[in-house]
Protein backbone atom coordinates (compact mmCIF):
# COMPACT_ATOMS: atom_id res chain seq x y z
CA UNK A 1 58.57 189.94 24.55
CA UNK A 2 55.12 188.91 23.32
CA UNK A 3 53.42 186.50 25.74
CA UNK A 4 52.72 183.11 24.28
CA UNK A 5 49.12 182.02 23.84
CA UNK A 6 48.42 178.91 25.93
CA UNK A 7 47.95 175.81 23.87
CA UNK A 8 44.37 174.57 23.83
CA UNK A 9 43.77 171.83 26.32
CA UNK A 10 42.80 168.52 24.85
CA UNK A 11 39.40 167.17 25.88
CA UNK A 12 41.09 163.89 26.58
CA UNK A 13 42.98 165.56 29.47
CA UNK A 14 39.80 166.73 31.22
CA UNK A 15 38.27 164.55 33.94
CA UNK A 16 35.57 162.34 32.51
CA UNK A 17 32.04 163.17 33.65
CA UNK A 18 30.27 160.40 35.56
CA UNK A 19 27.98 158.35 33.37
CA UNK A 20 24.43 159.69 33.29
CA UNK A 21 22.00 157.22 34.87
CA UNK A 22 18.49 157.29 36.30
CA UNK A 23 19.96 156.83 39.79
CA UNK A 24 22.37 159.75 39.32
CA UNK A 25 19.53 162.00 38.16
CA UNK A 26 17.37 161.16 41.19
CA UNK A 27 20.32 161.62 43.57
CA UNK A 28 20.90 165.05 42.06
CA UNK A 29 17.20 165.88 42.34
CA UNK A 30 17.18 164.99 46.05
CA UNK A 31 20.24 167.21 46.61
CA UNK A 32 18.67 170.16 44.80
CA UNK A 33 15.39 169.73 46.69
CA UNK A 34 17.18 169.62 50.06
CA UNK A 35 19.19 172.74 49.26
CA UNK A 36 16.75 174.83 47.21
CA UNK A 37 13.25 173.38 47.57
CA UNK A 38 11.09 171.20 45.34
CA UNK A 39 10.07 174.10 43.10
CA UNK A 40 13.68 174.29 41.91
CA UNK A 41 13.74 170.64 40.87
CA UNK A 42 13.29 171.14 37.13
CA UNK A 43 14.85 169.39 34.18
CA UNK A 44 16.82 172.53 33.35
CA UNK A 45 18.15 172.89 36.91
CA UNK A 46 19.14 169.22 37.05
CA UNK A 47 20.91 169.47 33.70
CA UNK A 48 22.96 172.30 35.18
CA UNK A 49 23.68 170.25 38.29
CA UNK A 50 24.81 167.27 36.21
CA UNK A 51 26.69 169.34 33.61
CA UNK A 52 24.64 168.11 30.69
CA UNK A 53 21.82 169.25 28.44
CA UNK A 54 18.14 168.99 29.44
CA UNK A 55 17.42 166.80 26.42
CA UNK A 56 19.77 164.15 27.79
CA UNK A 57 17.65 163.77 30.92
CA UNK A 58 14.50 162.89 29.00
CA UNK A 59 16.11 159.61 27.99
CA UNK A 60 15.81 158.55 31.67
CA UNK A 61 12.90 160.63 33.05
CA UNK A 62 9.75 161.52 31.10
CA UNK A 63 9.16 164.85 32.82
CA UNK A 64 8.81 166.76 36.07
CA UNK A 65 5.85 164.72 37.37
CA UNK A 66 7.77 161.46 36.95
CA UNK A 67 10.81 163.11 38.50
CA UNK A 68 8.86 164.14 41.61
CA UNK A 69 7.39 160.65 41.90
CA UNK A 70 10.90 159.20 41.70
CA UNK A 71 12.11 161.57 44.45
CA UNK A 72 9.23 160.47 46.68
CA UNK A 73 10.04 156.83 45.95
CA UNK A 74 13.61 157.45 47.08
CA UNK A 75 12.52 159.11 50.33
CA UNK A 76 9.96 156.40 51.11
CA UNK A 77 12.90 154.22 52.07
CA UNK A 78 12.79 156.08 55.41
CA UNK A 79 9.26 154.90 56.26
CA UNK A 80 9.29 152.55 59.26
CA UNK A 81 7.56 149.34 58.20
CA UNK A 82 8.74 147.30 61.19
CA UNK A 83 5.42 147.51 63.12
CA UNK A 84 3.96 145.03 60.62
CA UNK A 85 5.94 142.23 62.25
CA UNK A 86 5.57 143.48 65.82
CA UNK A 87 3.19 142.67 68.63
CA UNK A 88 0.07 144.40 69.87
CA UNK A 89 -3.18 145.50 68.28
CA UNK A 90 -2.96 145.46 64.49
CA UNK A 91 -4.82 148.77 64.24
CA UNK A 92 -2.26 150.53 66.38
CA UNK A 93 0.59 149.01 64.40
CA UNK A 94 -1.02 150.10 61.12
CA UNK A 95 -1.45 153.63 62.50
CA UNK A 96 2.28 153.73 63.35
CA UNK A 97 3.20 152.79 59.77
CA UNK A 98 0.90 155.46 58.36
CA UNK A 99 2.21 158.06 60.83
CA UNK A 100 5.75 157.26 59.67
CA UNK A 101 4.70 157.72 56.03
CA UNK A 102 3.02 161.03 56.87
CA UNK A 103 6.15 162.09 58.75
CA UNK A 104 8.25 161.66 55.60
CA UNK A 105 5.85 163.97 53.76
CA UNK A 106 5.85 166.48 56.62
CA UNK A 107 9.64 166.68 56.35
CA UNK A 108 9.34 167.24 52.58
CA UNK A 109 6.12 169.28 52.31
CA UNK A 110 6.35 170.07 48.60
CA UNK A 111 6.24 166.37 47.80
CA UNK A 112 2.88 165.92 49.50
CA UNK A 113 1.19 167.96 46.77
CA UNK A 114 2.98 165.95 44.08
CA UNK A 115 2.03 162.67 45.74
CA UNK A 116 -1.66 163.53 45.36
CA UNK A 117 -1.36 163.23 41.58
CA UNK A 118 1.94 161.46 40.86
CA UNK A 119 2.21 158.12 42.64
CA UNK A 120 5.57 156.37 42.75
CA UNK A 121 5.75 152.75 41.65
CA UNK A 122 9.16 151.59 42.86
CA UNK A 123 10.10 148.99 45.49
CA UNK A 124 9.74 151.34 48.48
CA UNK A 125 6.17 152.31 47.54
CA UNK A 126 5.25 148.69 46.81
CA UNK A 127 6.66 147.71 50.22
CA UNK A 128 4.47 150.36 51.86
CA UNK A 129 1.34 149.14 50.07
CA UNK A 130 2.19 145.51 50.87
CA UNK A 131 2.67 146.36 54.56
CA UNK A 132 -0.68 148.15 54.81
CA UNK A 133 -2.42 145.24 53.08
CA UNK A 134 -0.65 142.72 55.31
CA UNK A 135 -1.78 144.50 58.47
CA UNK A 136 -5.36 144.70 57.20
CA UNK A 137 -5.13 140.95 56.48
CA UNK A 138 -3.80 140.31 59.98
CA UNK A 139 -6.86 142.12 61.31
CA UNK A 140 -9.21 139.88 59.34
CA UNK A 141 -10.36 142.60 56.95
CA UNK A 142 -11.92 140.96 53.87
CA UNK A 143 -9.72 141.20 50.79
CA UNK A 144 -12.19 143.27 48.78
CA UNK A 145 -12.46 145.89 51.53
CA UNK A 146 -8.69 145.90 52.01
CA UNK A 147 -8.16 146.43 48.27
CA UNK A 148 -10.15 149.67 48.44
CA UNK A 149 -9.13 150.59 51.97
CA UNK A 150 -5.40 150.79 51.25
CA UNK A 151 -6.04 153.53 48.70
CA UNK A 152 -8.18 155.54 51.13
CA UNK A 153 -5.66 155.21 53.96
CA UNK A 154 -2.76 156.45 51.84
CA UNK A 155 -4.93 159.24 50.42
CA UNK A 156 -5.80 160.42 53.93
CA UNK A 157 -2.14 160.43 54.94
CA UNK A 158 -1.06 162.26 51.78
CA UNK A 159 -3.88 164.80 51.86
CA UNK A 160 -3.21 165.55 55.53
CA UNK A 161 0.43 166.29 54.79
CA UNK A 162 -0.50 168.39 51.75
CA UNK A 163 -3.00 170.41 53.81
CA UNK A 164 -0.45 171.00 56.54
CA UNK A 165 2.21 172.13 54.07
CA UNK A 166 -0.29 174.55 52.51
CA UNK A 167 -1.02 175.99 55.95
CA UNK A 168 2.67 176.35 56.70
CA UNK A 169 3.17 178.28 53.46
CA UNK A 170 0.13 180.57 53.92
CA UNK A 171 1.19 183.92 55.42
CA UNK A 172 -2.09 184.41 57.35
CA UNK A 173 -2.67 180.80 58.39
CA UNK A 174 -2.04 181.36 62.11
CA UNK A 175 -4.25 184.45 62.26
CA UNK A 176 -7.04 182.62 60.45
CA UNK A 177 -6.80 179.71 62.89
CA UNK A 178 -7.04 182.06 65.87
CA UNK A 179 -10.07 183.72 64.29
CA UNK A 180 -11.76 180.32 63.89
CA UNK A 181 -11.01 179.36 67.51
CA UNK A 182 -12.43 182.66 68.72
CA UNK A 183 -15.56 182.36 66.57
CA UNK A 184 -16.32 178.85 67.80
CA UNK A 185 -15.53 179.79 71.38
CA UNK A 186 -18.03 182.65 71.28
CA UNK A 187 -20.80 180.63 69.65
CA UNK A 188 -24.13 181.07 71.44
CA UNK A 189 -25.61 178.04 73.19
CA UNK A 190 -29.02 179.24 71.95
CA UNK A 191 -28.15 179.26 68.23
CA UNK A 192 -25.34 176.70 68.15
CA UNK A 193 -25.92 174.36 71.10
CA UNK A 194 -23.65 171.53 69.97
CA UNK A 195 -20.68 173.85 69.29
CA UNK A 196 -21.16 175.48 72.70
CA UNK A 197 -21.48 172.09 74.41
CA UNK A 198 -18.21 170.77 73.00
CA UNK A 199 -16.33 174.05 73.44
CA UNK A 200 -12.57 173.66 73.73
CA UNK A 201 -12.78 169.92 73.07
CA UNK A 202 -13.15 170.80 69.39
CA UNK A 203 -9.44 171.70 69.47
CA UNK A 204 -8.21 169.19 72.05
CA UNK A 205 -5.41 166.73 71.51
CA UNK A 206 -2.06 167.07 69.82
CA UNK A 207 -1.75 166.91 66.01
CA UNK A 208 -0.15 163.46 66.44
CA UNK A 209 -3.05 162.20 68.56
CA UNK A 210 -5.66 163.53 66.19
CA UNK A 211 -3.94 162.06 63.13
CA UNK A 212 -3.57 158.66 64.81
CA UNK A 213 -7.30 158.77 65.64
CA UNK A 214 -8.15 159.60 62.02
CA UNK A 215 -6.21 156.54 60.85
CA UNK A 216 -7.91 154.29 63.39
CA UNK A 217 -11.32 155.65 62.35
CA UNK A 218 -10.64 154.94 58.67
CA UNK A 219 -9.25 151.49 59.48
CA UNK A 220 -12.34 150.65 61.54
CA UNK A 221 -14.54 151.90 58.72
CA UNK A 222 -12.65 149.79 56.21
CA UNK A 223 -13.06 146.69 58.37
CA UNK A 224 -16.78 147.30 58.98
CA UNK A 225 -17.96 148.52 55.57
CA UNK A 226 -18.67 145.82 52.97
CA UNK A 227 -18.26 146.60 49.29
């Protein structure tokens, strides 16, 4: 007996795909980044993830740069902005906010490079900028200096995270660091007196302590440097 060919299944019987939205695209991008890395977050890969064609995505996202900025905007919701309304020295509270922002980038190193050129513009990023400006205002920093200072502070945080991610990805980064430590440690007091005088203090402190100091130094400079 000849087997019967199955009747074609009507498209109406298949489960309907979820509606394509900007939010759905960004959610998919975050999933792909978490599982496969930022380099895999492309329009083609997202189209595959969402079971659609790449052209459909361009209705909602202009391109990869905008996509990466939107991913960062989503993740900025994890930045702790609560120190703005807390107690204690305003400089220390501002440093805690900036350390939290840097921590988000440390956890997603590929985004730090994107953030150097593609700034988000959503509510989470605006809340971060507003918080930094508010803390500068609480400290009595003149508005003009604060307007320029907020950009520098966020650039320092972003560049620090980008530099660290580049080091983490470099295969010889640890060996190069050891070579630098050794070279500075062996510097002659006759030819390099200041290096020899400082010695191991050049590498003292934890990364967290040094980064917090950098933020305080930039904040103090912002407060003390007129435009």
